[in-house]
């Protein structure tokens, strides 16, 4: 049995670690500050222990909104400092403004400053330790790929971009017809006969099989994989690894047997879940329409000066079961923006007016869509509805695209919070992967996760 594999935290384990130690570090900091500076605002006793629970909930909730538990952000020193500042500031503000569940406001205002500094420094010190130590190479997962050489670059990018601690050290070329190693490939090409030796010498944690050509898995290679498995090494299939890490489904590697691979989430048939979701949608739509009505005069003035066209804009979109409906939005583009035909929206689209950019960045242009949600054409969460002309175009070249229409399209969705505008067919493929992941794993937990990420997008002004 192999005992030399390095220590590695999985994605879920890292997120749990971050959440627990965020709370522990803050509580420890407040305890030490209380002893050192005679700080009375946050005294903990058996009668007010719930103060710590409330603070922990606030930290985790607000930290989620400001991406404290996004592993790419958590591993980047400069990005995580921005998140720490926002999280500690908003947490302190909300904690001070909810005196029913938290201590009464201190009479000495210097204690508010001490409270903020204690929380900020606790998060800062712990997160710098994480970046320096836990996010270092010593905690990386070392893996090797068994794949066709022509797929290597895309496969490696997909894994390492999903988890910054996932390192592909080498690959076994399973394409017997293409044995030459490309000049631009920096990852070591492992000879099949040296596979077991390489795995043991480099303390490999996992072997990922991504070959789509069955003739590439020779008897020799198969026997070596079995031997590694018997010695405690993990052998996994690429699509499963990719889905767990990237949280999207790699449909380009699933071939035509997708119906066997893709079990739909039980939530799609769970009547209680669907009723609760619909109740939430109605309540949120009424709140959204109220807010939209309040800001409508300002938007109308901005539209009159900046857009010089009709305030509301309707467009045909494809909904559940392929049914076409008219989506309602505030105008963000110049008049006659598509006089030369329909084109994909892009990140810096010249057709978008200056005022339209403000509406898109803040997501205020989406407020009228709450009408579509009330009517039942759309949901709050789901794949973004696409235009019929693009649906027909994409479906011709992309398998499984119509699968998006088994549920209602949404105001926001898993693809929207994880990827930018789809400017090309290739972008649409990536967004499809996220949409199918949502349909497959649809749940209350995933819905809440999407709401957090949407709030982050709005508050950090990252709409497009």
Protein backbone atom coordinates (compact mmCIF):
# COMPACT_ATOMS: atom_id res chain seq x y z
CA UNK A 1 0.00 0.00 0.00
CA UNK A 2 1.34 3.45 -0.92
CA UNK A 3 1.97 5.79 2.00
CA UNK A 4 3.97 8.54 0.28
CA UNK A 5 1.15 10.52 -1.31
CA UNK A 6 1.20 14.18 -0.35
CA UNK A 7 -1.48 15.89 1.69
CA UNK A 8 -4.20 17.52 -0.39
CA UNK A 9 -7.46 19.19 0.52
CA UNK A 10 -10.34 18.68 -1.90
CA UNK A 11 -12.37 21.69 -3.08
CA UNK A 12 -15.16 21.11 -0.55
CA UNK A 13 -12.64 20.51 2.24
CA UNK A 14 -10.86 23.79 1.51
CA UNK A 15 -14.12 25.73 1.61
CA UNK A 16 -15.13 24.14 4.92
CA UNK A 17 -11.65 24.90 6.28
CA UNK A 18 -11.95 28.55 5.24
CA UNK A 19 -15.39 28.96 6.79
CA UNK A 20 -14.50 27.33 10.11
CA UNK A 21 -11.20 29.15 10.59
CA UNK A 22 -12.71 32.51 9.59
CA UNK A 23 -15.10 32.22 12.52
CA UNK A 24 -12.53 30.72 14.92
CA UNK A 25 -9.91 33.37 14.16
CA UNK A 26 -12.40 36.23 14.64
CA UNK A 27 -13.73 34.86 17.93
CA UNK A 28 -10.20 34.24 19.21
CA UNK A 29 -9.18 37.76 18.21
CA UNK A 30 -12.16 39.30 20.02
CA UNK A 31 -11.42 37.20 23.11
CA UNK A 32 -7.78 38.32 23.20
CA UNK A 33 -8.75 41.95 22.58
CA UNK A 34 -11.26 41.74 25.43
CA UNK A 35 -8.58 40.54 27.84
CA UNK A 36 -5.81 42.87 26.65
CA UNK A 37 -7.76 46.13 26.23
CA UNK A 38 -10.58 45.57 28.71
CA UNK A 39 -12.95 45.46 25.73
CA UNK A 40 -16.52 44.97 27.01
CA UNK A 41 -18.62 45.22 23.84
CA UNK A 42 -18.30 41.56 22.91
CA UNK A 43 -18.21 39.79 26.29
CA UNK A 44 -19.34 36.16 25.90
CA UNK A 45 -21.18 34.32 28.67
CA UNK A 46 -23.73 31.51 29.04
CA UNK A 47 -26.57 34.05 28.72
CA UNK A 48 -25.37 35.67 25.51
CA UNK A 49 -23.54 32.84 23.72
CA UNK A 50 -25.85 33.33 20.73
CA UNK A 51 -23.91 36.50 19.91
CA UNK A 52 -21.12 34.27 18.62
CA UNK A 53 -23.56 32.23 16.52
CA UNK A 54 -25.00 35.37 14.93
CA UNK A 55 -21.52 36.74 14.21
CA UNK A 56 -20.50 33.43 12.64
CA UNK A 57 -23.61 33.41 10.42
CA UNK A 58 -22.99 37.01 9.34
CA UNK A 59 -19.35 36.26 8.51
CA UNK A 60 -20.21 33.22 6.41
CA UNK A 61 -23.14 34.86 4.62
CA UNK A 62 -21.41 38.17 3.84
CA UNK A 63 -18.14 36.38 3.05
CA UNK A 64 -19.99 34.28 0.47
CA UNK A 65 -21.37 37.41 -1.18
CA UNK A 66 -17.90 38.95 -1.44
CA UNK A 67 -16.25 35.73 -2.69
CA UNK A 68 -14.24 34.89 0.41
CA UNK A 69 -14.86 31.20 -0.33
CA UNK A 70 -14.05 31.31 -4.02
CA UNK A 71 -10.82 29.27 -4.14
CA UNK A 72 -9.33 31.35 -6.95
CA UNK A 73 -9.90 34.51 -4.89
CA UNK A 74 -8.79 32.88 -1.62
CA UNK A 75 -5.50 31.82 -3.20
CA UNK A 76 -4.72 35.29 -4.59
CA UNK A 77 -3.21 37.66 -2.03
CA UNK A 78 -4.45 40.88 -3.61
CA UNK A 79 -7.96 39.69 -4.46
CA UNK A 80 -8.56 38.23 -1.01
CA UNK A 81 -7.50 41.47 0.72
CA UNK A 82 -10.24 43.31 -1.19
CA UNK A 83 -12.75 40.65 -0.08
CA UNK A 84 -11.54 40.88 3.54
CA UNK A 85 -12.02 44.66 3.63
CA UNK A 86 -15.54 44.43 2.22
CA UNK A 87 -16.55 41.44 4.36
CA UNK A 88 -15.24 42.85 7.66
CA UNK A 89 -16.73 46.31 7.00
CA UNK A 90 -20.23 45.07 6.06
CA UNK A 91 -20.22 42.46 8.83
CA UNK A 92 -19.41 45.06 11.49
CA UNK A 93 -22.01 47.47 10.09
CA UNK A 94 -24.82 44.90 10.04
CA UNK A 95 -23.80 43.46 13.42
CA UNK A 96 -23.99 46.91 14.99
CA UNK A 97 -27.39 47.61 13.40
CA UNK A 98 -29.10 44.44 14.68
CA UNK A 99 -29.08 45.02 18.48
CA UNK A 100 -31.91 42.55 19.13
CA UNK A 101 -29.62 39.62 18.26
CA UNK A 102 -26.32 41.35 19.05
CA UNK A 103 -24.91 43.51 21.87
CA UNK A 104 -26.36 46.99 22.35
CA UNK A 105 -24.40 49.78 20.71
CA UNK A 106 -21.37 50.73 22.84
CA UNK A 107 -21.44 54.13 24.53
CA UNK A 108 -17.75 54.57 23.79
CA UNK A 109 -17.37 54.94 20.02
CA UNK A 110 -13.73 53.86 20.13
CA UNK A 111 -15.01 50.36 20.87
CA UNK A 112 -16.64 50.24 17.42
CA UNK A 113 -13.24 50.93 15.88
CA UNK A 114 -11.61 48.27 18.07
CA UNK A 115 -14.33 45.80 17.08
CA UNK A 116 -13.69 46.43 13.38
CA UNK A 117 -9.88 46.25 13.67
CA UNK A 118 -10.09 42.99 15.66
CA UNK A 119 -12.25 41.34 12.98
CA UNK A 120 -10.22 42.72 10.08
CA UNK A 121 -6.84 41.71 11.52
CA UNK A 122 -8.12 38.24 12.44
CA UNK A 123 -9.33 37.59 8.89
CA UNK A 124 -6.24 39.21 7.35
CA UNK A 125 -3.69 37.23 9.38
CA UNK A 126 -5.48 33.90 8.94
CA UNK A 127 -6.03 34.38 5.21
CA UNK A 128 -2.39 35.38 4.64
CA UNK A 129 -1.40 32.16 6.43
CA UNK A 130 -3.73 30.28 4.08
CA UNK A 131 -2.27 31.94 0.97
CA UNK A 132 1.30 31.35 2.15
CA UNK A 133 0.90 27.84 3.49
CA UNK A 134 -2.29 26.00 2.52
CA UNK A 135 -2.39 27.42 -1.03
CA UNK A 136 1.24 26.49 -1.66
CA UNK A 137 2.49 23.67 -3.84
CA UNK A 138 3.05 21.40 -0.86
CA UNK A 139 -0.74 20.94 -0.65
CA UNK A 140 -1.27 20.48 -4.38
CA UNK A 141 -2.78 17.30 -5.79
CA UNK A 142 -0.30 15.71 -8.18
CA UNK A 143 -1.97 13.80 -11.01
CA UNK A 144 -1.19 12.27 -14.37
CA UNK A 145 -3.48 12.05 -17.38
CA UNK A 146 -4.06 9.18 -19.76
CA UNK A 147 -5.34 10.88 -22.88
CA UNK A 148 -4.85 11.57 -26.57
CA UNK A 149 -2.00 14.02 -27.12
CA UNK A 150 -4.13 16.40 -29.17
CA UNK A 151 -6.52 16.82 -26.22
CA UNK A 152 -3.84 17.38 -23.60
CA UNK A 153 -3.69 21.18 -23.52
CA UNK A 154 -7.48 21.58 -23.24
CA UNK A 155 -7.77 18.85 -20.59
CA UNK A 156 -5.00 20.30 -18.43
CA UNK A 157 -6.39 23.83 -18.70
CA UNK A 158 -9.85 22.61 -17.72
CA UNK A 159 -8.58 20.89 -14.56
CA UNK A 160 -6.00 23.44 -13.37
CA UNK A 161 -8.23 26.46 -13.99
CA UNK A 162 -11.01 24.84 -11.96
CA UNK A 163 -8.76 24.10 -8.97
CA UNK A 164 -5.53 26.13 -8.57
CA UNK A 165 -4.12 23.30 -6.43
CA UNK A 166 -4.53 20.63 -9.11
CA UNK A 167 -1.20 19.90 -10.86
CA UNK A 168 -0.83 17.65 -13.89
CA UNK A 169 2.77 16.38 -13.80
CA UNK A 170 2.67 14.07 -16.80
CA UNK A 171 0.56 12.21 -19.33
CA UNK A 172 0.44 8.87 -21.08
CA UNK A 173 -0.38 9.24 -24.78
CA UNK A 174 -3.22 6.82 -25.50
CA UNK A 175 -3.33 7.66 -29.21
CA UNK A 176 -1.27 4.92 -30.84
CA UNK A 177 -1.54 6.66 -34.21
CA UNK A 178 0.06 9.88 -32.95
CA UNK A 179 3.21 9.18 -30.98
CA UNK A 180 5.11 12.43 -31.56
CA UNK A 181 5.17 14.93 -28.72
CA UNK A 182 4.33 18.49 -29.72
CA UNK A 183 6.91 21.23 -29.20
CA UNK A 184 4.52 23.42 -27.19
CA UNK A 185 3.62 20.68 -24.68
CA UNK A 186 5.65 21.22 -21.50
CA UNK A 187 4.07 18.34 -19.55
CA UNK A 188 6.20 15.21 -19.44
CA UNK A 189 5.22 12.41 -21.79
CA UNK A 190 5.40 9.18 -19.76
CA UNK A 191 6.27 5.92 -21.45
CA UNK A 192 3.68 3.25 -20.66
CA UNK A 193 6.35 0.91 -19.37
CA UNK A 194 7.54 3.56 -16.87
CA UNK A 195 4.07 4.54 -15.63
CA UNK A 196 4.19 2.74 -12.28
CA UNK A 197 7.72 3.93 -11.55
CA UNK A 198 6.78 7.56 -12.36
CA UNK A 199 3.70 7.42 -10.11
CA UNK A 200 5.68 6.17 -7.11
CA UNK A 201 8.70 8.43 -7.64
CA UNK A 202 6.60 11.63 -7.87
CA UNK A 203 4.06 10.77 -5.11
CA UNK A 204 1.16 10.94 -7.56
CA UNK A 205 -2.23 11.15 -5.83
CA UNK A 206 -4.49 10.31 -8.74
CA UNK A 207 -4.51 8.89 -12.27
CA UNK A 208 -7.17 10.44 -14.52
CA UNK A 209 -8.25 8.48 -17.60
CA UNK A 210 -9.52 10.77 -20.36
CA UNK A 211 -8.94 8.69 -23.49
CA UNK A 212 -11.85 8.50 -25.92
CA UNK A 213 -10.18 5.80 -28.00
CA UNK A 214 -10.58 2.37 -26.45
CA UNK A 215 -7.73 0.92 -28.50
CA UNK A 216 -5.38 3.25 -26.62
CA UNK A 217 -6.01 1.37 -23.36
CA UNK A 218 -3.75 -1.57 -24.12
CA UNK A 219 -3.50 -4.74 -22.05
CA UNK A 220 -0.17 -3.54 -20.67
CA UNK A 221 -1.61 -0.16 -19.64
CA UNK A 222 -4.73 -1.77 -18.20
CA UNK A 223 -2.69 -4.17 -16.06
CA UNK A 224 -0.55 -1.31 -14.74
CA UNK A 225 -3.66 0.67 -13.78
CA UNK A 226 -5.05 -2.35 -11.93
CA UNK A 227 -1.75 -2.77 -10.11
CA UNK A 228 -1.75 0.90 -9.08
CA UNK A 229 -5.35 0.56 -7.89
CA UNK A 230 -4.43 -2.43 -5.77
CA UNK A 231 -1.59 -0.40 -4.22
CA UNK A 232 -3.93 2.34 -3.02
CA UNK A 233 -3.75 4.84 -5.87
CA UNK A 234 -6.94 6.46 -7.10
CA UNK A 235 -8.00 5.90 -10.72
CA UNK A 236 -10.77 8.23 -11.91
CA UNK A 237 -12.55 9.03 -15.16
CA UNK A 238 -12.00 12.53 -16.55
CA UNK A 239 -15.62 13.65 -16.93
CA UNK A 240 -16.32 12.88 -13.25
CA UNK A 241 -13.19 14.74 -12.10
CA UNK A 242 -13.93 17.71 -14.34
CA UNK A 243 -17.56 17.94 -13.21
CA UNK A 244 -16.57 17.90 -9.53
CA UNK A 245 -13.84 20.51 -9.94
CA UNK A 246 -15.28 22.86 -12.57
CA UNK A 247 -18.94 22.36 -11.60
CA UNK A 248 -19.93 22.04 -15.23
CA UNK A 249 -20.47 19.05 -17.51
CA UNK A 250 -17.88 18.44 -20.26
CA UNK A 251 -20.37 17.48 -22.95
CA UNK A 252 -17.67 17.44 -25.62
CA UNK A 253 -16.20 14.31 -23.98
CA UNK A 254 -19.42 12.47 -23.27
CA UNK A 255 -20.11 11.46 -26.89
CA UNK A 256 -23.61 10.34 -27.91
CA UNK A 257 -24.36 8.20 -24.86
CA UNK A 258 -25.29 11.33 -22.94
CA UNK A 259 -28.69 9.94 -21.92
CA UNK A 260 -26.91 7.30 -19.81
CA UNK A 261 -24.52 9.78 -18.25
CA UNK A 262 -26.99 12.55 -17.47
CA UNK A 263 -29.48 11.71 -14.69
CA UNK A 264 -31.79 14.68 -14.15
CA UNK A 265 -32.03 16.15 -10.67
CA UNK A 266 -34.90 14.78 -8.60
CA UNK A 267 -35.74 18.37 -7.69
CA UNK A 268 -37.18 18.78 -11.20
CA UNK A 269 -40.00 16.41 -10.14
CA UNK A 270 -40.09 17.32 -6.43
CA UNK A 271 -43.47 19.05 -6.00
CA UNK A 272 -42.63 20.53 -2.58
CA UNK A 273 -39.40 22.01 -3.93
CA UNK A 274 -41.19 23.40 -7.00
CA UNK A 275 -43.99 24.94 -4.89
CA UNK A 276 -41.49 26.58 -2.53
CA UNK A 277 -39.47 27.89 -5.48
CA UNK A 278 -42.62 29.32 -7.12
CA UNK A 279 -43.67 31.01 -3.84
CA UNK A 280 -40.19 32.53 -3.55
CA UNK A 281 -40.37 33.73 -7.16
CA UNK A 282 -43.70 35.47 -6.65
CA UNK A 283 -42.51 37.23 -3.47
CA UNK A 284 -39.19 38.26 -5.04
CA UNK A 285 -40.97 39.45 -8.20
CA UNK A 286 -43.30 41.71 -6.20
CA UNK A 287 -40.34 43.16 -4.30
CA UNK A 288 -38.40 43.60 -7.54
CA UNK A 289 -41.29 45.33 -9.29
CA UNK A 290 -41.74 47.65 -6.32
CA UNK A 291 -38.05 48.64 -6.41
CA UNK A 292 -38.27 48.99 -10.19
CA UNK A 293 -41.26 51.31 -9.86
CA UNK A 294 -39.37 53.49 -7.34
CA UNK A 295 -36.34 53.93 -9.61
CA UNK A 296 -38.41 54.12 -12.81
CA UNK A 297 -38.41 57.98 -12.99
CA UNK A 298 -34.59 58.06 -12.80
CA UNK A 299 -34.27 55.37 -15.47
CA UNK A 300 -36.81 57.17 -17.67
CA UNK A 301 -34.78 60.40 -17.47
CA UNK A 302 -31.54 58.54 -18.17
CA UNK A 303 -33.15 56.78 -21.13
CA UNK A 304 -34.48 60.07 -22.51
CA UNK A 305 -31.03 61.69 -22.35
CA UNK A 306 -28.77 58.71 -23.01
CA UNK A 307 -30.70 56.23 -25.14
CA UNK A 308 -33.24 58.41 -26.95
CA UNK A 309 -35.55 55.54 -27.72
CA UNK A 310 -38.46 53.66 -26.20
CA UNK A 311 -37.96 52.94 -22.50
CA UNK A 312 -39.03 49.28 -22.66
CA UNK A 313 -37.65 46.76 -25.10
CA UNK A 314 -39.20 43.39 -25.95
CA UNK A 315 -37.60 40.49 -27.72
CA UNK A 316 -38.54 36.90 -28.55
CA UNK A 317 -36.85 34.24 -26.42
CA UNK A 318 -37.19 30.46 -26.16
CA UNK A 319 -38.66 29.20 -22.89
CA UNK A 320 -39.52 25.87 -21.32
CA UNK A 321 -40.27 23.07 -23.78
CA UNK A 322 -39.20 25.33 -26.64
CA UNK A 323 -42.15 27.73 -26.23
CA UNK A 324 -41.36 31.23 -27.51
CA UNK A 325 -42.26 34.25 -25.33
CA UNK A 326 -41.49 37.98 -25.27
CA UNK A 327 -38.92 39.05 -22.70
CA UNK A 328 -39.18 42.60 -21.29
CA UNK A 329 -36.12 44.74 -20.55
CA UNK A 330 -35.16 48.38 -20.17
CA UNK A 331 -33.53 49.62 -23.36
CA UNK A 332 -29.72 49.62 -23.25
CA UNK A 333 -28.84 49.81 -26.96
CA UNK A 334 -29.16 52.41 -29.68
CA UNK A 335 -32.22 52.36 -31.91
CA UNK A 336 -32.10 49.94 -34.84
CA UNK A 337 -29.21 48.08 -33.20
CA UNK A 338 -29.87 45.02 -35.35
CA UNK A 339 -30.71 46.57 -38.68
CA UNK A 340 -28.07 44.29 -40.27
CA UNK A 341 -29.33 41.16 -38.55
CA UNK A 342 -29.12 39.43 -35.18
CA UNK A 343 -25.65 39.11 -33.64
CA UNK A 344 -24.35 37.91 -30.28
CA UNK A 345 -23.94 40.57 -27.61
CA UNK A 346 -20.29 41.12 -26.68
CA UNK A 347 -18.41 42.42 -23.64
CA UNK A 348 -17.67 45.86 -25.13
CA UNK A 349 -20.58 46.02 -27.55
CA UNK A 350 -20.52 49.32 -29.46
CA UNK A 351 -24.31 49.21 -29.76
CA UNK A 352 -24.73 49.68 -26.00
CA UNK A 353 -25.18 53.32 -24.99
CA UNK A 354 -23.31 54.92 -22.08
CA UNK A 355 -26.46 54.89 -19.95
CA UNK A 356 -27.14 51.35 -21.13
CA UNK A 357 -23.74 50.29 -19.75
CA UNK A 358 -24.74 51.63 -16.33
CA UNK A 359 -28.00 49.68 -16.46
CA UNK A 360 -26.21 46.49 -17.49
CA UNK A 361 -23.38 46.79 -14.97
CA UNK A 362 -25.87 47.29 -12.14
CA UNK A 363 -28.31 44.73 -13.62
CA UNK A 364 -31.09 47.31 -13.39
CA UNK A 365 -32.05 46.60 -17.00
CA UNK A 366 -33.38 43.23 -15.79
CA UNK A 367 -36.07 44.62 -13.46
CA UNK A 368 -38.94 44.40 -16.02
CA UNK A 369 -38.30 40.67 -16.32
CA UNK A 370 -39.99 40.21 -12.96
CA UNK A 371 -43.17 40.62 -15.03
CA UNK A 372 -42.14 37.57 -17.06
CA UNK A 373 -41.51 35.69 -13.80
CA UNK A 374 -44.95 36.58 -12.42
CA UNK A 375 -46.55 35.44 -15.69
CA UNK A 376 -44.72 32.12 -15.43
CA UNK A 377 -42.64 32.52 -18.60
CA UNK A 378 -39.43 32.62 -16.57
CA UNK A 379 -38.02 31.56 -13.22
CA UNK A 380 -35.65 33.47 -10.94
CA UNK A 381 -32.95 30.81 -11.41
CA UNK A 382 -32.38 28.83 -14.58
CA UNK A 383 -30.57 28.96 -17.95
CA UNK A 384 -30.78 32.38 -19.54
CA UNK A 385 -33.39 32.39 -22.34
CA UNK A 386 -31.83 32.59 -25.79
CA UNK A 387 -33.26 33.99 -29.01
CA UNK A 388 -34.88 31.52 -31.45
CA UNK A 389 -32.46 32.38 -34.26
CA UNK A 390 -29.46 31.58 -32.06
CA UNK A 391 -31.09 28.45 -30.60
CA UNK A 392 -31.54 27.02 -34.10
CA UNK A 393 -28.01 27.98 -35.09
CA UNK A 394 -26.35 26.56 -31.98
CA UNK A 395 -28.45 23.37 -31.86
CA UNK A 396 -27.26 22.43 -35.35
CA UNK A 397 -23.60 22.29 -34.28
CA UNK A 398 -23.89 21.52 -30.58
CA UNK A 399 -25.37 18.28 -29.22
CA UNK A 400 -27.68 18.43 -26.20
CA UNK A 401 -28.32 22.20 -26.49
CA UNK A 402 -32.08 21.72 -26.46
CA UNK A 403 -31.71 20.05 -23.04
CA UNK A 404 -31.62 23.58 -21.56
CA UNK A 405 -35.35 23.88 -22.29
CA UNK A 406 -36.50 21.10 -19.93
CA UNK A 407 -36.85 23.76 -17.20
CA UNK A 408 -37.88 27.41 -17.26
CA UNK A 409 -35.23 29.96 -18.23
CA UNK A 410 -34.08 32.21 -15.41
CA UNK A 411 -33.32 35.80 -14.51
CA UNK A 412 -29.98 34.54 -13.27
CA UNK A 413 -28.34 31.14 -13.44
CA UNK A 414 -25.30 28.98 -12.86
CA UNK A 415 -23.82 29.92 -16.25
CA UNK A 416 -24.41 33.65 -15.68
CA UNK A 417 -22.59 33.78 -12.34
CA UNK A 418 -19.66 31.69 -13.59
CA UNK A 419 -19.15 32.95 -17.14
CA UNK A 420 -19.44 36.18 -19.10
CA UNK A 421 -21.46 36.93 -22.22
CA UNK A 422 -21.49 34.22 -24.88
CA UNK A 423 -19.99 36.03 -27.87
CA UNK A 424 -19.30 32.91 -29.95
CA UNK A 425 -20.44 29.32 -30.42
CA UNK A 426 -17.46 28.23 -28.27
CA UNK A 427 -18.69 30.49 -25.45
CA UNK A 428 -22.17 29.01 -25.81
CA UNK A 429 -20.68 25.53 -25.35
CA UNK A 430 -19.10 26.55 -22.04
CA UNK A 431 -22.34 28.15 -20.85
CA UNK A 432 -24.20 24.99 -21.89
CA UNK A 433 -21.89 22.96 -19.64
CA UNK A 434 -22.85 25.14 -16.66
CA UNK A 435 -26.55 25.04 -17.53
CA UNK A 436 -26.55 21.24 -17.76
CA UNK A 437 -24.71 21.03 -14.45
CA UNK A 438 -27.50 23.08 -12.86
CA UNK A 439 -30.21 20.91 -14.40
CA UNK A 440 -28.42 17.78 -13.22
CA UNK A 441 -27.70 19.02 -9.67
CA UNK A 442 -30.62 21.40 -9.15
CA UNK A 443 -31.24 21.84 -5.42
CA UNK A 444 -31.99 24.41 -2.75
CA UNK A 445 -28.30 24.56 -1.82
CA UNK A 446 -27.26 25.29 -5.42
CA UNK A 447 -30.03 27.92 -5.74
CA UNK A 448 -28.75 29.71 -2.63
CA UNK A 449 -25.22 29.55 -4.01
CA UNK A 450 -26.38 31.21 -7.24
CA UNK A 451 -28.17 33.95 -5.29
CA UNK A 452 -24.98 34.67 -3.33
CA UNK A 453 -22.94 34.87 -6.52
CA UNK A 454 -25.57 37.10 -8.15
CA UNK A 455 -25.48 39.48 -5.17
CA UNK A 456 -21.70 39.54 -5.48
CA UNK A 457 -21.97 40.43 -9.18
CA UNK A 458 -24.41 43.27 -8.46
CA UNK A 459 -22.58 44.70 -5.42
CA UNK A 460 -19.19 44.53 -7.11
CA UNK A 461 -20.68 46.14 -10.25
CA UNK A 462 -19.60 43.33 -12.56
CA UNK A 463 -22.70 43.00 -14.74
CA UNK A 464 -22.26 43.06 -18.51
